[in-house]
Protein backbone atom coordinates (compact mmCIF):
# COMPACT_ATOMS: atom_id res chain seq x y z
CA MET A 1 -46.54 -48.41 60.72
CA THR A 2 -48.39 -46.36 57.92
CA LYS A 3 -51.53 -48.06 56.84
CA LYS A 4 -52.25 -48.21 53.04
CA ILE A 5 -55.79 -47.51 51.81
CA LEU A 6 -57.22 -48.24 48.37
CA ILE A 7 -60.16 -46.22 47.26
CA THR A 8 -61.67 -47.85 44.26
CA GLN A 9 -62.84 -44.59 42.55
CA VAL A 10 -61.29 -41.55 40.94
CA ARG A 11 -59.44 -39.14 43.09
CA PRO A 12 -61.88 -36.22 43.97
CA ALA A 13 -61.35 -33.16 41.99
CA GLY A 14 -59.77 -30.03 43.37
CA GLU A 15 -56.46 -29.30 45.10
CA HIS A 16 -57.77 -30.42 48.43
CA ASN A 17 -60.00 -33.34 49.11
CA PRO A 18 -61.12 -34.83 52.51
CA TYR A 19 -58.85 -37.79 52.09
CA ASP A 20 -55.98 -35.32 52.42
CA LEU A 21 -56.99 -34.64 55.81
CA LEU A 22 -57.46 -38.36 56.58
CA GLU A 23 -53.88 -38.92 55.68
CA HIS A 24 -52.63 -36.33 57.90
CA HIS A 25 -54.66 -36.98 60.86
CA HIS A 26 -54.40 -40.74 60.77
CA ASP A 27 -50.88 -41.39 59.22
CA VAL A 28 -52.17 -43.30 56.26
CA CYS A 29 -51.42 -43.46 52.56
CA VAL A 30 -54.32 -43.20 50.34
CA ASP A 31 -54.34 -44.41 46.67
CA PHE A 32 -57.12 -44.13 44.15
CA GLN A 33 -57.77 -46.60 41.53
CA PRO A 34 -61.09 -47.58 39.89
CA LEU A 35 -61.39 -51.23 39.37
CA VAL A 36 -64.12 -50.72 36.74
CA GLU A 37 -63.64 -48.87 33.47
CA LEU A 38 -66.62 -47.57 31.57
CA GLN A 39 -67.21 -47.76 27.82
CA GLY A 40 -70.13 -46.11 26.23
CA LEU A 41 -72.45 -48.01 23.83
CA THR A 42 -72.66 -46.76 20.39
CA ALA A 43 -75.80 -45.28 19.04
CA LYS A 44 -76.14 -48.50 16.81
CA GLU A 45 -75.83 -50.76 19.92
CA PHE A 46 -78.27 -48.51 21.82
CA ARG A 47 -80.90 -48.64 19.02
CA LYS A 48 -81.12 -52.59 19.43
CA GLN A 49 -83.02 -51.79 22.70
CA HIS A 50 -85.72 -50.20 20.71
CA ILE A 51 -85.85 -47.10 23.07
CA ASN A 52 -86.53 -43.77 21.72
CA PRO A 53 -85.35 -41.00 24.40
CA LEU A 54 -88.06 -38.62 22.82
CA ASP A 55 -90.74 -41.08 24.12
CA TYR A 56 -90.30 -39.92 27.68
CA THR A 57 -90.85 -36.75 29.58
CA ALA A 58 -88.33 -37.48 32.29
CA VAL A 59 -84.86 -39.14 32.90
CA ILE A 60 -83.54 -40.64 36.12
CA LEU A 61 -79.76 -40.02 36.67
CA ASN A 62 -77.84 -41.75 39.38
CA SER A 63 -74.29 -40.47 38.63
CA LYS A 64 -72.42 -37.69 36.68
CA THR A 65 -71.53 -40.64 34.45
CA SER A 66 -75.11 -41.42 33.53
CA VAL A 67 -75.48 -37.81 32.73
CA ASP A 68 -72.66 -37.80 30.45
CA HIS A 69 -73.84 -40.87 28.61
CA TYR A 70 -77.43 -39.65 28.30
CA PHE A 71 -76.46 -36.61 26.33
CA ARG A 72 -73.73 -38.35 24.41
CA ILE A 73 -76.37 -40.89 23.19
CA CYS A 74 -78.73 -38.27 22.18
CA LYS A 75 -76.09 -36.36 20.33
CA GLU A 76 -74.94 -39.51 18.46
CA MET A 77 -78.75 -40.06 17.54
CA HIS A 78 -79.01 -36.53 16.47
CA ILE A 79 -81.81 -36.06 19.10
CA THR A 80 -82.43 -32.56 20.53
CA VAL A 81 -83.40 -32.99 24.17
CA PRO A 82 -86.56 -30.84 24.56
CA GLU A 83 -86.51 -28.14 27.10
CA THR A 84 -89.50 -29.68 28.82
CA MET A 85 -87.62 -32.77 29.86
CA HIS A 86 -87.50 -33.35 33.64
CA TYR A 87 -84.49 -34.72 35.38
CA TYR A 88 -84.59 -36.77 38.60
CA CYS A 89 -81.13 -37.08 40.25
CA ILE A 90 -79.86 -39.02 43.33
CA SER A 91 -77.94 -35.96 44.51
CA GLU A 92 -77.55 -32.38 44.41
CA ALA A 93 -74.05 -32.88 42.92
CA VAL A 94 -75.58 -34.73 39.96
CA GLY A 95 -78.17 -32.15 39.50
CA ASN A 96 -75.73 -29.41 39.37
CA TYR A 97 -73.55 -31.21 36.98
CA LEU A 98 -76.49 -30.98 34.45
CA GLN A 99 -75.44 -27.41 33.85
CA LYS A 100 -72.69 -28.89 31.71
CA TYR A 101 -75.37 -29.59 29.10
CA ILE A 102 -78.62 -27.48 29.94
CA GLU A 103 -79.51 -24.24 31.69
CA PHE A 104 -80.18 -24.94 35.24
CA ARG A 105 -83.95 -24.51 36.26
CA LYS A 106 -85.36 -25.71 39.45
CA ARG A 107 -88.82 -26.61 38.02
CA ARG A 108 -86.98 -28.98 35.63
CA ILE A 109 -84.40 -30.87 38.04
CA PHE A 110 -85.30 -32.66 41.10
CA PHE A 111 -82.74 -34.22 43.46
CA GLY A 112 -82.51 -36.19 46.92
CA GLU A 113 -81.16 -34.17 49.91
CA HIS A 114 -79.80 -37.24 51.41
CA ASN A 115 -78.39 -39.00 48.25
CA THR A 116 -81.42 -41.32 47.70
CA PHE A 117 -84.16 -41.53 45.24
CA GLU A 118 -86.78 -41.91 48.06
CA ASP A 119 -86.22 -38.22 48.53
CA VAL A 120 -87.70 -37.34 45.04
CA LEU A 121 -90.77 -39.70 45.19
CA PRO A 122 -93.00 -36.89 46.30
CA ALA A 123 -92.00 -34.89 43.25
CA MET A 124 -92.76 -38.01 41.08
CA ASN A 125 -96.06 -38.55 42.75
CA ARG A 126 -97.03 -35.08 41.91
CA ARG A 127 -96.73 -35.97 38.18
CA PRO A 128 -98.46 -39.06 37.55
CA GLN A 129 -98.43 -38.59 33.68
CA GLU A 130 -94.74 -38.44 33.71
CA LYS A 131 -92.93 -41.14 31.56
CA TYR A 132 -89.60 -42.21 32.85
CA ILE A 133 -86.32 -43.44 31.51
CA MET A 134 -83.34 -44.33 33.61
CA VAL A 135 -79.84 -44.42 32.48
CA VAL A 136 -77.87 -47.72 33.48
CA GLY A 137 -74.97 -49.62 32.72
CA GLU A 138 -74.81 -53.22 31.38
CA ASN A 139 -75.72 -55.83 33.96
CA TYR A 140 -77.49 -53.19 36.10
CA SER A 141 -79.35 -54.29 39.25
CA ASP A 142 -83.15 -54.18 39.33
CA GLU A 143 -83.09 -52.86 42.83
CA LEU A 144 -83.91 -49.29 42.07
CA ILE A 145 -86.36 -50.23 39.17
CA ASN A 146 -88.25 -52.50 41.78
CA MET A 147 -88.19 -49.71 44.41
CA PHE A 148 -89.90 -47.30 41.87
CA ALA A 149 -92.37 -50.22 40.91
CA GLY A 150 -93.27 -50.49 44.64
CA HIS A 151 -94.34 -46.95 44.46
CA LYS A 152 -96.45 -47.54 41.16
CA ILE A 153 -93.81 -45.64 39.09
CA VAL A 154 -92.95 -47.38 35.85
CA VAL A 155 -89.37 -46.87 34.82
CA THR A 156 -87.75 -48.08 31.62
CA PRO A 157 -84.02 -48.90 32.18
CA ALA A 158 -81.97 -47.83 29.17
CA VAL A 159 -78.49 -49.30 28.99
CA MET A 160 -76.08 -46.72 27.69
CA PHE A 161 -72.48 -47.95 28.90
CA ARG A 162 -70.86 -51.19 29.86
CA GLN A 163 -68.36 -51.84 32.60
CA THR A 164 -65.13 -53.84 32.07
CA ALA A 165 -62.56 -54.86 34.79
CA PHE A 166 -59.46 -52.77 35.07
CA ASN A 167 -56.43 -55.21 34.57
CA TRP A 168 -54.29 -54.56 37.79
CA PRO A 169 -50.49 -54.60 36.33
CA LYS A 170 -48.75 -57.50 37.31
CA ASP A 171 -45.72 -55.34 38.45
CA ARG A 172 -47.73 -53.31 40.72
CA PRO A 173 -47.98 -54.52 44.26
CA PHE A 174 -51.38 -54.90 46.04
CA ASP A 175 -50.25 -54.37 49.47
CA TYR A 176 -53.27 -52.47 51.03
CA ASP A 177 -54.47 -52.77 54.62
CA ILE A 178 -57.99 -51.20 53.85
CA ILE A 179 -59.93 -51.54 50.62
CA ALA A 180 -63.00 -49.39 50.01
CA PHE A 181 -65.61 -50.77 47.56
CA PHE A 182 -68.51 -48.67 46.03
CA THR A 183 -70.38 -51.10 43.83
CA ALA A 184 -70.82 -54.77 43.32
CA SER A 185 -69.21 -54.44 39.79
CA GLY A 186 -66.10 -53.24 41.59
CA VAL A 187 -66.25 -56.17 43.83
CA ARG A 188 -66.40 -58.42 40.76
CA ALA A 189 -63.44 -56.82 39.15
CA PHE A 190 -61.39 -57.24 42.37
CA ILE A 191 -62.13 -60.94 42.38
CA GLN A 192 -61.30 -61.21 38.63
CA ASN A 193 -57.97 -59.59 39.24
CA PHE A 194 -57.21 -61.38 42.50
CA PRO A 195 -59.00 -64.71 42.61
CA LYS A 196 -56.80 -66.23 45.27
CA PHE A 197 -56.75 -63.16 47.54
CA LYS A 198 -56.67 -63.92 51.28
CA GLN A 199 -58.35 -61.31 53.36
CA GLY A 200 -56.56 -62.04 56.68
CA ASP A 201 -56.71 -58.81 58.83
CA LYS A 202 -57.24 -56.72 55.79
CA ALA A 203 -60.30 -54.34 56.21
CA MET A 204 -63.01 -54.24 53.62
CA ILE A 205 -65.34 -51.34 53.68
CA CYS A 206 -68.37 -50.96 51.55
CA PHE A 207 -70.58 -48.06 50.31
CA GLY A 208 -74.07 -49.54 49.65
CA ALA A 209 -75.73 -52.92 50.28
CA ASN A 210 -75.02 -54.18 46.86
CA ALA A 211 -71.21 -54.00 47.18
CA ALA A 212 -71.52 -55.47 50.72
CA GLN A 213 -73.64 -58.44 49.47
CA ALA A 214 -71.24 -59.13 46.56
CA LEU A 215 -68.21 -59.33 49.07
CA THR A 216 -70.04 -61.47 51.47
CA GLU A 217 -71.19 -63.83 48.76
CA ALA A 218 -67.46 -64.11 47.62
CA GLY A 219 -66.52 -65.23 51.10
CA TYR A 220 -65.15 -62.08 52.49
CA THR A 221 -65.92 -60.25 55.68
CA VAL A 222 -67.30 -56.76 55.46
CA THR A 223 -65.60 -54.61 58.06
CA ARG A 224 -67.69 -51.55 57.82
CA THR A 225 -70.70 -50.35 55.59
CA ALA A 226 -71.94 -46.90 54.72
CA PRO A 227 -74.27 -45.38 54.93
CA SER A 228 -75.11 -46.47 58.47
CA PRO A 229 -75.87 -44.83 61.86
CA GLY A 230 -72.71 -42.74 62.43
CA CYS A 231 -71.30 -43.37 59.09
CA PRO A 232 -72.83 -41.38 56.36
CA SER A 233 -70.08 -41.78 53.88
CA ILE A 234 -67.33 -44.22 53.07
CA LEU A 235 -64.89 -41.73 54.47
CA SER A 236 -66.52 -41.62 57.88
CA ALA A 237 -66.58 -45.38 57.87
CA ILE A 238 -62.80 -45.50 57.38
CA GLU A 239 -62.41 -42.96 59.97
CA GLN A 240 -64.32 -44.85 62.46
CA TYR A 241 -62.46 -48.02 61.66
CA LEU A 242 -59.13 -46.24 61.94
CA SER A 243 -60.13 -44.76 65.36
CA GLU A 244 -60.86 -48.20 66.75
CA CYS A 245 -57.65 -49.80 65.63
């Protein structure tokens, strides 16, 4: 029987994506549906935080979404981002995405080779006078802010967007055998949509400790987590699970 998998993110761009191979090799059906929708704060709402982006020499970006909202807020506030601004990104993909807004220069953009901010700490430590702002969503976790603080790096969180739960249509079946979560907010949106959901033999696979913790606290069993030894990505975690079924 063909298994159905829900990936709680948007479908990867491009004609071919790695999930196509997953469907072919394991006889599964993969659907994509973010459980959280993002809404940008207006410039008026952002000003209530009393944060001026021009007071900072560097911005920390943990997703393409954070890149979009940073430059959107600056535009709405009629701020010209200086060419001297430094960008510290969680991954090369996020760093490359900056080319949508600025000319790519290596001396201005730093990113982690293993999709972690720990990789950019050496670059940060070389610039002790840097003043950091980090783009975050409403109800953000302090985990990263505290990690930087543990290395004596002061980071100011700047809320530029909020998250709302996607309302699952009542006439759309939720009959998935495997559900892949990426954020704690996605888990909360799932619980909001399906407060009486019984896990049974359904597999719940998480990317990141926050999503796994949110599931556990809600009383569910985490089947697989990534990154972990042998499972650097959510895709590899799903493949491992399917291979062992």
